[in-house]
C-alpha atoms as a PDB file:
ATOM      1  CA  LEU A   1     -54.102 -84.133  33.460  1.00  0.00           C
ATOM      2  CA  LEU A   2     -54.945 -87.476  34.710  1.00  0.00           C
ATOM      3  CA  LEU A   3     -58.498 -86.425  35.777  1.00  0.00           C
ATOM      4  CA  MET A   4     -58.862 -84.508  32.564  1.00  0.00           C
ATOM      5  CA  ASN A   5     -57.696 -86.998  30.188  1.00  0.00           C
ATOM      6  CA  GLY A   6     -57.640 -90.277  32.085  1.00  0.00           C
ATOM      7  CA  SER A   7     -59.676 -93.554  31.638  1.00  0.00           C
ATOM      8  CA  VAL A   8     -61.865 -92.880  34.470  1.00  0.00           C
ATOM      9  CA  VAL A   9     -63.296 -89.645  33.401  1.00  0.00           C
ATOM     10  CA  THR A  10     -63.334 -90.657  29.974  1.00  0.00           C
ATOM     11  CA  ALA A  11     -65.505 -93.628  30.988  1.00  0.00           C
ATOM     12  CA  ALA A  12     -67.783 -91.477  32.984  1.00  0.00           C
ATOM     13  CA  THR A  13     -68.365 -88.981  30.368  1.00  0.00           C
ATOM     14  CA  THR A  14     -68.792 -91.346  27.323  1.00  0.00           C
ATOM     15  CA  LEU A  15     -72.456 -92.095  26.319  1.00  0.00           C
ATOM     16  CA  GLU A  16     -71.490 -95.726  25.478  1.00  0.00           C
ATOM     17  CA  GLU A  17     -69.436 -96.398  28.807  1.00  0.00           C
ATOM     18  CA  SER A  18     -71.210 -94.311  31.477  1.00  0.00           C
ATOM     19  CA  MET A  19     -74.586 -95.878  32.760  1.00  0.00           C
ATOM     20  CA  THR A  20     -74.959 -92.592  34.791  1.00  0.00           C
ATOM     21  CA  LEU A  21     -74.798 -90.262  31.848  1.00  0.00           C
ATOM     22  CA  ARG A  22     -76.777 -92.459  29.524  1.00  0.00           C
ATOM     23  CA  ALA A  23     -79.621 -92.846  31.959  1.00  0.00           C
ATOM     24  CA  ILE A  24     -79.787 -88.997  32.326  1.00  0.00           C
ATOM     25  CA  VAL A  25     -79.570 -88.437  28.658  1.00  0.00           C
ATOM     26  CA  ASP A  26     -82.034 -90.889  27.673  1.00  0.00           C
ATOM     27  CA  ALA A  27     -84.617 -90.299  30.236  1.00  0.00           C
ATOM     28  CA  PRO A  28     -87.858 -89.289  28.386  1.00  0.00           C
ATOM     29  CA  PHE A  29     -89.581 -87.957  31.494  1.00  0.00           C
ATOM     30  CA  LEU A  30     -86.694 -85.256  32.241  1.00  0.00           C
ATOM     31  CA  LYS A  31     -86.731 -81.715  30.723  1.00  0.00           C
ATOM     32  CA  ASP A  32     -83.582 -80.284  29.683  1.00  0.00           C
ATOM     33  CA  THR A  33     -83.320 -78.283  32.901  1.00  0.00           C
ATOM     34  CA  GLU A  34     -84.024 -81.453  34.940  1.00  0.00           C
ATOM     35  CA  LYS A  35     -81.227 -83.237  33.124  1.00  0.00           C
ATOM     36  CA  LEU A  36     -78.746 -80.437  34.062  1.00  0.00           C
ATOM     37  CA  ASP A  37     -80.025 -80.797  37.626  1.00  0.00           C
ATOM     38  CA  ALA A  38     -79.374 -84.556  37.633  1.00  0.00           C
ATOM     39  CA  LEU A  39     -75.679 -83.967  36.291  1.00  0.00           C
ATOM     40  CA  CYS A  40     -75.039 -81.801  38.865  1.00  0.00           C
ATOM     41  CA  LEU A  41     -76.605 -83.930  41.678  1.00  0.00           C
ATOM     42  CA  ALA A  42     -74.306 -86.646  40.385  1.00  0.00           C
ATOM     43  CA  ALA A  43     -71.181 -84.585  40.381  1.00  0.00           C
ATOM     44  CA  TYR A  44     -71.715 -82.358  43.178  1.00  0.00           C
ATOM     45  CA  SER A  45     -74.517 -83.631  45.212  1.00  0.00           C
ATOM     46  CA  ARG A  46     -76.286 -80.408  44.842  1.00  0.00           C
ATOM     47  CA  LEU A  47     -78.619 -78.546  42.377  1.00  0.00           C
ATOM     48  CA  PRO A  48     -76.760 -76.068  40.067  1.00  0.00           C
ATOM     49  CA  ARG A  49     -76.884 -72.396  40.988  1.00  0.00           C
ATOM     50  CA  PRO A  50     -78.602 -69.827  39.000  1.00  0.00           C
ATOM     51  CA  ALA A  51     -75.247 -68.447  37.567  1.00  0.00           C
ATOM     52  CA  GLU A  52     -74.260 -72.027  36.623  1.00  0.00           C
ATOM     53  CA  ARG A  53     -77.712 -72.790  34.968  1.00  0.00           C
ATOM     54  CA  GLU A  54     -77.005 -69.607  32.721  1.00  0.00           C
ATOM     55  CA  ARG A  55     -73.473 -70.444  31.709  1.00  0.00           C
ATOM     56  CA  VAL A  56     -74.924 -73.909  30.607  1.00  0.00           C
ATOM     57  CA  ARG A  57     -77.758 -72.520  28.810  1.00  0.00           C
ATOM     58  CA  LYS A  58     -75.496 -69.945  26.948  1.00  0.00           C
ATOM     59  CA  GLY A  59     -72.722 -72.656  26.379  1.00  0.00           C
ATOM     60  CA  SER A  60     -75.045 -75.286  25.044  1.00  0.00           C
ATOM     61  CA  ARG A  61     -75.265 -74.723  21.257  1.00  0.00           C
ATOM     62  CA  ALA A  62     -77.388 -78.038  20.429  1.00  0.00           C
ATOM     63  CA  LYS A  63     -80.156 -77.444  18.144  1.00  0.00           C
ATOM     64  CA  PRO A  64     -83.464 -78.875  19.730  1.00  0.00           C
ATOM     65  CA  ASP A  65     -83.961 -81.296  16.916  1.00  0.00           C
ATOM     66  CA  ASP A  66     -80.427 -82.467  16.702  1.00  0.00           C
ATOM     67  CA  ALA A  67     -80.381 -85.443  19.114  1.00  0.00           C
ATOM     68  CA  LYS A  68     -76.703 -86.471  18.675  1.00  0.00           C
ATOM     69  CA  ALA A  69     -75.545 -82.929  19.135  1.00  0.00           C
ATOM     70  CA  LYS A  70     -77.690 -82.613  22.338  1.00  0.00           C
ATOM     71  CA  GLU A  71     -76.297 -85.838  23.653  1.00  0.00           C
ATOM     72  CA  GLN A  72     -72.621 -84.773  23.099  1.00  0.00           C
ATOM     73  CA  ALA A  73     -73.550 -81.367  24.789  1.00  0.00           C
ATOM     74  CA  TYR A  74     -74.581 -83.247  27.955  1.00  0.00           C
ATOM     75  CA  ALA A  75     -71.483 -85.259  27.739  1.00  0.00           C
ATOM     76  CA  ASN A  76     -69.333 -82.119  27.278  1.00  0.00           C
ATOM     77  CA  ILE A  77     -71.372 -80.826  30.541  1.00  0.00           C
ATOM     78  CA  PHE A  78     -70.780 -83.663  32.548  1.00  0.00           C
ATOM     79  CA  TRP A  79     -66.865 -83.660  31.696  1.00  0.00           C
ATOM     80  CA  ALA A  80     -66.677 -79.987  32.725  1.00  0.00           C
ATOM     81  CA  LEU A  81     -68.582 -80.697  36.025  1.00  0.00           C
ATOM     82  CA  LEU A  82     -66.243 -83.549  36.696  1.00  0.00           C
ATOM     83  CA  ASN A  83     -62.964 -81.565  36.112  1.00  0.00           C
ATOM     84  CA  SER A  84     -64.088 -78.233  37.965  1.00  0.00           C
ATOM     85  CA  PRO A  85     -62.344 -77.376  41.027  1.00  0.00           C
ATOM     86  CA  GLU A  86     -65.398 -78.084  43.209  1.00  0.00           C
ATOM     87  CA  PHE A  87     -65.552 -81.727  42.272  1.00  0.00           C
ATOM     88  CA  VAL A  88     -61.601 -82.226  42.154  1.00  0.00           C
ATOM     89  CA  LEU A  89     -60.968 -80.575  45.394  1.00  0.00           C
ATOM     90  CA  CYS A  90     -63.750 -80.686  47.712  1.00  0.00           C
ATOM     91  CA  PRO A  91     -64.182 -83.550  49.850  1.00  0.00           C
END
């Protein structure tokens, strides 16, 4: 619960506090798929697998023209990555 709700993960997944997340979300030269790649690289030091890409694509409900919803979707994706067993349990 500390990881899921603690101040470290909250700071890492809040657009106002996380320099990593803010840099990825605001990068005008990155496409949506490249932003996902950057989030996975930041969390796992690897690119997302095809099945992970598909889950994120299906789970992302933000409309392309809704910038705030899209930003929140990236924050939610990063939160999920940081709370996954791969991040928490693997060295």
